[in-house]
PDB file of all heavy atoms in Angstrom:
ATOM      1  N   ASP A   1      10.230   5.001  -1.003  1.00  0.00           N
ATOM      2  CA  ASP A   1       9.290   4.271  -0.157  1.00  0.00           C
ATOM      3  C   ASP A   1       7.879   4.743  -0.461  1.00  0.00           C
ATOM      4  O   ASP A   1       7.655   5.919  -0.777  1.00  0.00           O
ATOM      5  CB  ASP A   1       9.591   4.515   1.330  1.00  0.00           C
ATOM      6  CG  ASP A   1      10.942   3.967   1.749  1.00  0.00           C
ATOM      7  OD1 ASP A   1      11.395   2.986   1.132  1.00  0.00           O
ATOM      8  OD2 ASP A   1      11.543   4.526   2.678  1.00  0.00           O
ATOM      9  N   PHE A   2       6.920   3.811  -0.346  1.00  0.00           N
ATOM     10  CA  PHE A   2       5.511   4.143  -0.569  1.00  0.00           C
ATOM     11  C   PHE A   2       4.700   3.789   0.672  1.00  0.00           C
ATOM     12  O   PHE A   2       4.852   2.700   1.233  1.00  0.00           O
ATOM     13  CB  PHE A   2       4.959   3.383  -1.782  1.00  0.00           C
ATOM     14  CG  PHE A   2       5.460   3.887  -3.102  1.00  0.00           C
ATOM     15  CD1 PHE A   2       6.612   3.360  -3.670  1.00  0.00           C
ATOM     16  CD2 PHE A   2       4.780   4.884  -3.783  1.00  0.00           C
ATOM     17  CE1 PHE A   2       7.077   3.806  -4.885  1.00  0.00           C
ATOM     18  CE2 PHE A   2       5.237   5.347  -5.011  1.00  0.00           C
ATOM     19  CZ  PHE A   2       6.393   4.814  -5.562  1.00  0.00           C
ATOM     20  N   TRP A   3       3.870   4.737   1.087  1.00  0.00           N
ATOM     21  CA  TRP A   3       2.961   4.547   2.220  1.00  0.00           C
ATOM     22  C   TRP A   3       1.536   4.823   1.757  1.00  0.00           C
ATOM     23  O   TRP A   3       1.311   5.694   0.917  1.00  0.00           O
ATOM     24  CB  TRP A   3       3.304   5.498   3.359  1.00  0.00           C
ATOM     25  CG  TRP A   3       4.654   5.261   3.977  1.00  0.00           C
ATOM     26  CD1 TRP A   3       5.878   5.580   3.461  1.00  0.00           C
ATOM     27  CD2 TRP A   3       4.906   4.637   5.239  1.00  0.00           C
ATOM     28  NE1 TRP A   3       6.877   5.203   4.315  1.00  0.00           N
ATOM     29  CE2 TRP A   3       6.310   4.630   5.425  1.00  0.00           C
ATOM     30  CE3 TRP A   3       4.093   4.105   6.240  1.00  0.00           C
ATOM     31  CZ2 TRP A   3       6.908   4.100   6.556  1.00  0.00           C
ATOM     32  CZ3 TRP A   3       4.685   3.580   7.372  1.00  0.00           C
ATOM     33  CH2 TRP A   3       6.077   3.579   7.530  1.00  0.00           C
ATOM     34  N   VAL A   4       0.592   4.073   2.314  1.00  0.00           N
ATOM     35  CA  VAL A   4      -0.817   4.254   1.976  1.00  0.00           C
ATOM     36  C   VAL A   4      -1.582   4.663   3.226  1.00  0.00           C
ATOM     37  O   VAL A   4      -1.506   3.997   4.270  1.00  0.00           O
ATOM     38  CB  VAL A   4      -1.431   2.965   1.397  1.00  0.00           C
ATOM     39  CG1 VAL A   4      -2.928   3.157   1.154  1.00  0.00           C
ATOM     40  CG2 VAL A   4      -0.738   2.585   0.096  1.00  0.00           C
ATOM     41  N   TYR A   5      -2.309   5.787   3.098  1.00  0.00           N
ATOM     42  CA  TYR A   5      -3.215   6.186   4.176  1.00  0.00           C
ATOM     43  C   TYR A   5      -4.640   5.875   3.751  1.00  0.00           C
ATOM     44  O   TYR A   5      -5.082   6.267   2.666  1.00  0.00           O
ATOM     45  CB  TYR A   5      -3.090   7.675   4.492  1.00  0.00           C
ATOM     46  CG  TYR A   5      -4.003   8.094   5.628  1.00  0.00           C
ATOM     47  CD1 TYR A   5      -3.651   7.825   6.947  1.00  0.00           C
ATOM     48  CD2 TYR A   5      -5.222   8.712   5.371  1.00  0.00           C
ATOM     49  CE1 TYR A   5      -4.495   8.180   7.991  1.00  0.00           C
ATOM     50  CE2 TYR A   5      -6.074   9.074   6.404  1.00  0.00           C
ATOM     51  CZ  TYR A   5      -5.701   8.790   7.715  1.00  0.00           C
ATOM     52  OH  TYR A   5      -6.543   9.134   8.758  1.00  0.00           O
ATOM     53  N   ASP A   6      -5.358   5.141   4.622  1.00  0.00           N
ATOM     54  CA  ASP A   6      -6.735   4.729   4.355  1.00  0.00           C
ATOM     55  C   ASP A   6      -7.676   5.652   5.121  1.00  0.00           C
ATOM     56  O   ASP A   6      -7.659   5.695   6.354  1.00  0.00           O
ATOM     57  CB  ASP A   6      -6.941   3.276   4.785  1.00  0.00           C
ATOM     58  CG  ASP A   6      -8.273   2.705   4.323  1.00  0.00           C
ATOM     59  OD1 ASP A   6      -9.269   3.444   4.334  1.00  0.00           O
ATOM     60  OD2 ASP A   6      -8.309   1.521   3.950  1.00  0.00           O
ATOM     61  N   PHE A   7      -8.519   6.408   4.406  1.00  0.00           N
ATOM     62  CA  PHE A   7      -9.433   7.339   5.055  1.00  0.00           C
ATOM     63  C   PHE A   7     -10.494   6.611   5.878  1.00  0.00           C
ATOM     64  O   PHE A   7     -11.002   7.146   6.859  1.00  0.00           O
ATOM     65  CB  PHE A   7     -10.119   8.229   4.013  1.00  0.00           C
ATOM     66  CG  PHE A   7      -9.225   9.285   3.431  1.00  0.00           C
ATOM     67  CD1 PHE A   7      -8.778   9.186   2.124  1.00  0.00           C
ATOM     68  CD2 PHE A   7      -8.816  10.379   4.185  1.00  0.00           C
ATOM     69  CE1 PHE A   7      -7.954  10.151   1.579  1.00  0.00           C
ATOM     70  CE2 PHE A   7      -7.991  11.358   3.648  1.00  0.00           C
ATOM     71  CZ  PHE A   7      -7.553  11.240   2.348  1.00  0.00           C
ATOM     72  N   ASP A   8     -10.833   5.385   5.476  1.00  0.00           N
ATOM     73  CA  ASP A   8     -11.876   4.649   6.190  1.00  0.00           C
ATOM     74  C   ASP A   8     -11.375   4.134   7.542  1.00  0.00           C
ATOM     75  O   ASP A   8     -12.062   4.253   8.556  1.00  0.00           O
ATOM     76  CB  ASP A   8     -12.374   3.482   5.338  1.00  0.00           C
ATOM     77  CG  ASP A   8     -13.067   3.954   4.067  1.00  0.00           C
ATOM     78  OD1 ASP A   8     -13.639   5.061   4.081  1.00  0.00           O
ATOM     79  OD2 ASP A   8     -13.022   3.219   3.060  1.00  0.00           O
ATOM     80  N   THR A   9     -10.163   3.549   7.538  1.00  0.00           N
ATOM     81  CA  THR A   9      -9.644   2.967   8.780  1.00  0.00           C
ATOM     82  C   THR A   9      -8.743   3.926   9.555  1.00  0.00           C
ATOM     83  O   THR A   9      -8.370   3.625  10.688  1.00  0.00           O
ATOM     84  CB  THR A   9      -8.837   1.699   8.467  1.00  0.00           C
ATOM     85  OG1 THR A   9      -7.684   2.049   7.692  1.00  0.00           O
ATOM     86  CG2 THR A   9      -9.685   0.693   7.688  1.00  0.00           C
ATOM     87  N   LYS A  10      -8.367   5.058   8.926  1.00  0.00           N
ATOM     88  CA  LYS A  10      -7.450   6.044   9.537  1.00  0.00           C
ATOM     89  C   LYS A  10      -6.077   5.441   9.808  1.00  0.00           C
ATOM     90  O   LYS A  10      -5.365   5.870  10.712  1.00  0.00           O
ATOM     91  CB  LYS A  10      -8.031   6.609  10.853  1.00  0.00           C
ATOM     92  CG  LYS A  10      -9.474   7.051  10.785  1.00  0.00           C
ATOM     93  CD  LYS A  10      -9.676   8.191   9.798  1.00  0.00           C
ATOM     94  CE  LYS A  10     -11.128   8.686   9.798  1.00  0.00           C
ATOM     95  NZ  LYS A  10     -11.386   9.686   8.756  1.00  0.00           N
ATOM     96  N   GLU A  11      -5.683   4.451   9.008  1.00  0.00           N
ATOM     97  CA  GLU A  11      -4.401   3.781   9.210  1.00  0.00           C
ATOM     98  C   GLU A  11      -3.409   4.155   8.115  1.00  0.00           C
ATOM     99  O   GLU A  11      -3.782   4.362   6.957  1.00  0.00           O
ATOM    100  CB  GLU A  11      -4.588   2.262   9.228  1.00  0.00           C
ATOM    101  CG  GLU A  11      -5.346   1.747  10.443  1.00  0.00           C
ATOM    102  CD  GLU A  11      -5.477   0.230  10.442  1.00  0.00           C
ATOM    103  OE1 GLU A  11      -5.405  -0.368   9.344  1.00  0.00           O
ATOM    104  OE2 GLU A  11      -5.649  -0.341  11.538  1.00  0.00           O
ATOM    105  N   LEU A  12      -2.141   4.195   8.494  1.00  0.00           N
ATOM    106  CA  LEU A  12      -1.037   4.446   7.581  1.00  0.00           C
ATOM    107  C   LEU A  12      -0.186   3.188   7.497  1.00  0.00           C
ATOM    108  O   LEU A  12       0.298   2.694   8.521  1.00  0.00           O
ATOM    109  CB  LEU A  12      -0.196   5.626   8.070  1.00  0.00           C
ATOM    110  CG  LEU A  12       0.993   6.047   7.200  1.00  0.00           C
ATOM    111  CD1 LEU A  12       0.511   6.655   5.882  1.00  0.00           C
ATOM    112  CD2 LEU A  12       1.866   7.046   7.951  1.00  0.00           C
ATOM    113  N   LYS A  13      -0.013   2.633   6.290  1.00  0.00           N
ATOM    114  CA  LYS A  13       0.742   1.399   6.115  1.00  0.00           C
ATOM    115  C   LYS A  13       1.842   1.596   5.080  1.00  0.00           C
ATOM    116  O   LYS A  13       1.646   2.283   4.080  1.00  0.00           O
ATOM    117  CB  LYS A  13      -0.168   0.258   5.635  1.00  0.00           C
ATOM    118  CG  LYS A  13      -1.186  -0.224   6.651  1.00  0.00           C
ATOM    119  CD  LYS A  13      -1.969  -1.398   6.068  1.00  0.00           C
ATOM    120  CE  LYS A  13      -2.975  -1.948   7.073  1.00  0.00           C
ATOM    121  NZ  LYS A  13      -3.746  -3.104   6.510  1.00  0.00           N
ATOM    122  N   GLN A  14       2.973   0.963   5.315  1.00  0.00           N
ATOM    123  CA  GLN A  14       4.052   0.983   4.340  1.00  0.00           C
ATOM    124  C   GLN A  14       3.927  -0.208   3.405  1.00  0.00           C
ATOM    125  O   GLN A  14       3.687  -1.336   3.849  1.00  0.00           O
ATOM    126  CB  GLN A  14       5.423   0.952   5.017  1.00  0.00           C
ATOM    127  CG  GLN A  14       6.574   1.056   4.028  1.00  0.00           C
ATOM    128  CD  GLN A  14       7.939   1.062   4.685  1.00  0.00           C
ATOM    129  OE1 GLN A  14       8.061   0.856   5.889  1.00  0.00           O
ATOM    130  NE2 GLN A  14       8.975   1.304   3.899  1.00  0.00           N
ATOM    131  N   LEU A  15       4.097   0.037   2.131  1.00  0.00           N
ATOM    132  CA  LEU A  15       4.101  -1.041   1.150  1.00  0.00           C
ATOM    133  C   LEU A  15       5.487  -1.671   1.086  1.00  0.00           C
ATOM    134  O   LEU A  15       6.504  -0.998   1.244  1.00  0.00           O
ATOM    135  CB  LEU A  15       3.726  -0.499  -0.229  1.00  0.00           C
ATOM    136  CG  LEU A  15       2.332   0.123  -0.382  1.00  0.00           C
ATOM    137  CD1 LEU A  15       2.167   0.688  -1.785  1.00  0.00           C
ATOM    138  CD2 LEU A  15       1.245  -0.898  -0.091  1.00  0.00           C
ATOM    139  N   GLY A  16       5.515  -2.962   0.833  1.00  0.00           N
ATOM    140  CA  GLY A  16       6.790  -3.663   0.662  1.00  0.00           C
ATOM    141  C   GLY A  16       7.755  -3.413   1.800  1.00  0.00           C
ATOM    142  O   GLY A  16       8.958  -3.231   1.574  1.00  0.00           O
ATOM    143  N   LYS A  17       7.255  -3.439   3.017  1.00  0.00           N
ATOM    144  CA  LYS A  17       8.079  -3.047   4.160  1.00  0.00           C
ATOM    145  C   LYS A  17       9.258  -3.979   4.414  1.00  0.00           C
ATOM    146  O   LYS A  17      10.208  -3.586   5.097  1.00  0.00           O
ATOM    147  CB  LYS A  17       7.216  -2.945   5.420  1.00  0.00           C
ATOM    148  CG  LYS A  17       6.522  -4.227   5.868  1.00  0.00           C
ATOM    149  CD  LYS A  17       5.717  -3.965   7.126  1.00  0.00           C
ATOM    150  CE  LYS A  17       5.098  -5.216   7.705  1.00  0.00           C
ATOM    151  NZ  LYS A  17       4.056  -5.791   6.879  1.00  0.00           N
ATOM    152  N   ASP A  18       9.219  -5.178   3.863  1.00  0.00           N
ATOM    153  CA  ASP A  18      10.339  -6.106   4.047  1.00  0.00           C
ATOM    154  C   ASP A  18      11.424  -5.949   2.989  1.00  0.00           C
ATOM    155  O   ASP A  18      12.486  -6.556   3.089  1.00  0.00           O
ATOM    156  CB  ASP A  18       9.835  -7.557   4.048  1.00  0.00           C
ATOM    157  CG  ASP A  18       8.961  -7.859   5.261  1.00  0.00           C
ATOM    158  OD1 ASP A  18       9.177  -7.230   6.315  1.00  0.00           O
ATOM    159  OD2 ASP A  18       8.061  -8.711   5.134  1.00  0.00           O
ATOM    160  N   PHE A  19      11.144  -5.123   1.977  1.00  0.00           N
ATOM    161  CA  PHE A  19      12.170  -4.839   0.980  1.00  0.00           C
ATOM    162  C   PHE A  19      13.132  -3.777   1.516  1.00  0.00           C
ATOM    163  O   PHE A  19      12.799  -3.044   2.457  1.00  0.00           O
ATOM    164  CB  PHE A  19      11.533  -4.354  -0.324  1.00  0.00           C
ATOM    165  CG  PHE A  19      10.800  -5.417  -1.089  1.00  0.00           C
ATOM    166  CD1 PHE A  19       9.443  -5.296  -1.359  1.00  0.00           C
ATOM    167  CD2 PHE A  19      11.476  -6.535  -1.558  1.00  0.00           C
ATOM    168  CE1 PHE A  19       8.761  -6.266  -2.075  1.00  0.00           C
ATOM    169  CE2 PHE A  19      10.810  -7.519  -2.288  1.00  0.00           C
ATOM    170  CZ  PHE A  19       9.453  -7.388  -2.538  1.00  0.00           C
ATOM    171  N   PRO A  20      14.321  -3.666   0.928  1.00  0.00           N
ATOM    172  CA  PRO A  20      15.254  -2.626   1.376  1.00  0.00           C
ATOM    173  C   PRO A  20      14.640  -1.236   1.255  1.00  0.00           C
ATOM    174  O   PRO A  20      13.779  -0.979   0.402  1.00  0.00           O
ATOM    175  CB  PRO A  20      16.443  -2.789   0.424  1.00  0.00           C
ATOM    176  CG  PRO A  20      16.375  -4.207  -0.035  1.00  0.00           C
ATOM    177  CD  PRO A  20      14.917  -4.538  -0.100  1.00  0.00           C
ATOM    178  N   SER A  21      15.086  -0.345   2.108  1.00  0.00           N
ATOM    179  CA  SER A  21      14.588   1.026   2.093  1.00  0.00           C
ATOM    180  C   SER A  21      14.847   1.680   0.747  1.00  0.00           C
ATOM    181  O   SER A  21      15.870   1.434   0.100  1.00  0.00           O
ATOM    182  CB  SER A  21      15.273   1.824   3.201  1.00  0.00           C
ATOM    183  OG  SER A  21      14.878   3.174   3.167  1.00  0.00           O
ATOM    184  N   SER A  22      13.896   2.507   0.326  1.00  0.00           N
ATOM    185  CA  SER A  22      14.020   3.314  -0.887  1.00  0.00           C
ATOM    186  C   SER A  22      14.306   2.458  -2.119  1.00  0.00           C
ATOM    187  O   SER A  22      15.195   2.757  -2.914  1.00  0.00           O
ATOM    188  CB  SER A  22      15.138   4.358  -0.716  1.00  0.00           C
ATOM    189  OG  SER A  22      15.174   5.250  -1.793  1.00  0.00           O
ATOM    190  N   SER A  23      13.517   1.376  -2.301  1.00  0.00           N
ATOM    191  CA  SER A  23      13.785   0.476  -3.425  1.00  0.00           C
ATOM    192  C   SER A  23      12.561   0.174  -4.279  1.00  0.00           C
ATOM    193  O   SER A  23      12.655  -0.600  -5.232  1.00  0.00           O
ATOM    194  CB  SER A  23      14.369  -0.846  -2.916  1.00  0.00           C
ATOM    195  OG  SER A  23      13.398  -1.591  -2.188  1.00  0.00           O
ATOM    196  N   LEU A  24      11.411   0.778  -3.977  1.00  0.00           N
ATOM    197  CA  LEU A  24      10.203   0.528  -4.760  1.00  0.00           C
ATOM    198  C   LEU A  24      10.035   1.613  -5.819  1.00  0.00           C
ATOM    199  O   LEU A  24      10.441   2.757  -5.635  1.00  0.00           O
ATOM    200  CB  LEU A  24       8.957   0.490  -3.879  1.00  0.00           C
ATOM    201  CG  LEU A  24       8.922  -0.509  -2.725  1.00  0.00           C
ATOM    202  CD1 LEU A  24       7.515  -0.562  -2.134  1.00  0.00           C
ATOM    203  CD2 LEU A  24       9.374  -1.888  -3.163  1.00  0.00           C
ATOM    204  N   MET A  25       9.390   1.218  -6.913  1.00  0.00           N
ATOM    205  CA  MET A  25       9.174   2.151  -8.020  1.00  0.00           C
ATOM    206  C   MET A  25       7.741   2.063  -8.523  1.00  0.00           C
ATOM    207  O   MET A  25       7.183   0.976  -8.645  1.00  0.00           O
ATOM    208  CB  MET A  25      10.134   1.843  -9.189  1.00  0.00           C
ATOM    209  CG  MET A  25      11.606   1.803  -8.827  1.00  0.00           C
ATOM    210  SD  MET A  25      12.677   1.296 -10.219  1.00  0.00           S
ATOM    211  CE  MET A  25      12.652   2.778 -11.217  1.00  0.00           C
ATOM    212  N   PHE A  26       7.148   3.231  -8.808  1.00  0.00           N
ATOM    213  CA  PHE A  26       5.909   3.380  -9.582  1.00  0.00           C
ATOM    214  C   PHE A  26       4.697   2.681  -8.972  1.00  0.00           C
ATOM    215  O   PHE A  26       3.840   2.157  -9.695  1.00  0.00           O
ATOM    216  CB  PHE A  26       6.108   2.885 -11.019  1.00  0.00           C
ATOM    217  CG  PHE A  26       7.396   3.329 -11.644  1.00  0.00           C
ATOM    218  CD1 PHE A  26       8.305   2.405 -12.135  1.00  0.00           C
ATOM    219  CD2 PHE A  26       7.714   4.670 -11.717  1.00  0.00           C
ATOM    220  CE1 PHE A  26       9.496   2.804 -12.704  1.00  0.00           C
ATOM    221  CE2 PHE A  26       8.916   5.082 -12.282  1.00  0.00           C
ATOM    222  CZ  PHE A  26       9.804   4.156 -12.778  1.00  0.00           C
ATOM    223  N   ALA A  27       4.590   2.651  -7.670  1.00  0.00           N
ATOM    224  CA  ALA A  27       3.431   2.008  -7.038  1.00  0.00           C
ATOM    225  C   ALA A  27       2.143   2.691  -7.488  1.00  0.00           C
ATOM    226  O   ALA A  27       2.070   3.919  -7.581  1.00  0.00           O
ATOM    227  CB  ALA A  27       3.568   2.063  -5.520  1.00  0.00           C
ATOM    228  N   LYS A  28       1.125   1.871  -7.771  1.00  0.00           N
ATOM    229  CA  LYS A  28      -0.157   2.440  -8.180  1.00  0.00           C
ATOM    230  C   LYS A  28      -1.291   1.486  -7.831  1.00  0.00           C
ATOM    231  O   LYS A  28      -1.124   0.262  -7.813  1.00  0.00           O
ATOM    232  CB  LYS A  28      -0.168   2.776  -9.676  1.00  0.00           C
ATOM    233  CG  LYS A  28       0.151   1.619 -10.598  1.00  0.00           C
ATOM    234  CD  LYS A  28       0.144   2.050 -12.063  1.00  0.00           C
ATOM    235  CE  LYS A  28       1.371   2.798 -12.445  1.00  0.00           C
ATOM    236  NZ  LYS A  28       2.556   1.946 -12.635  1.00  0.00           N
TER     237      LYS A  28
END
């Protein structure tokens, strides 16, 4: 799983949250 924390908005978001758990690769 990949999550992005934004220093400007102070928010934590999950990428591809509608995909099955533990199924993303090489996010950049």
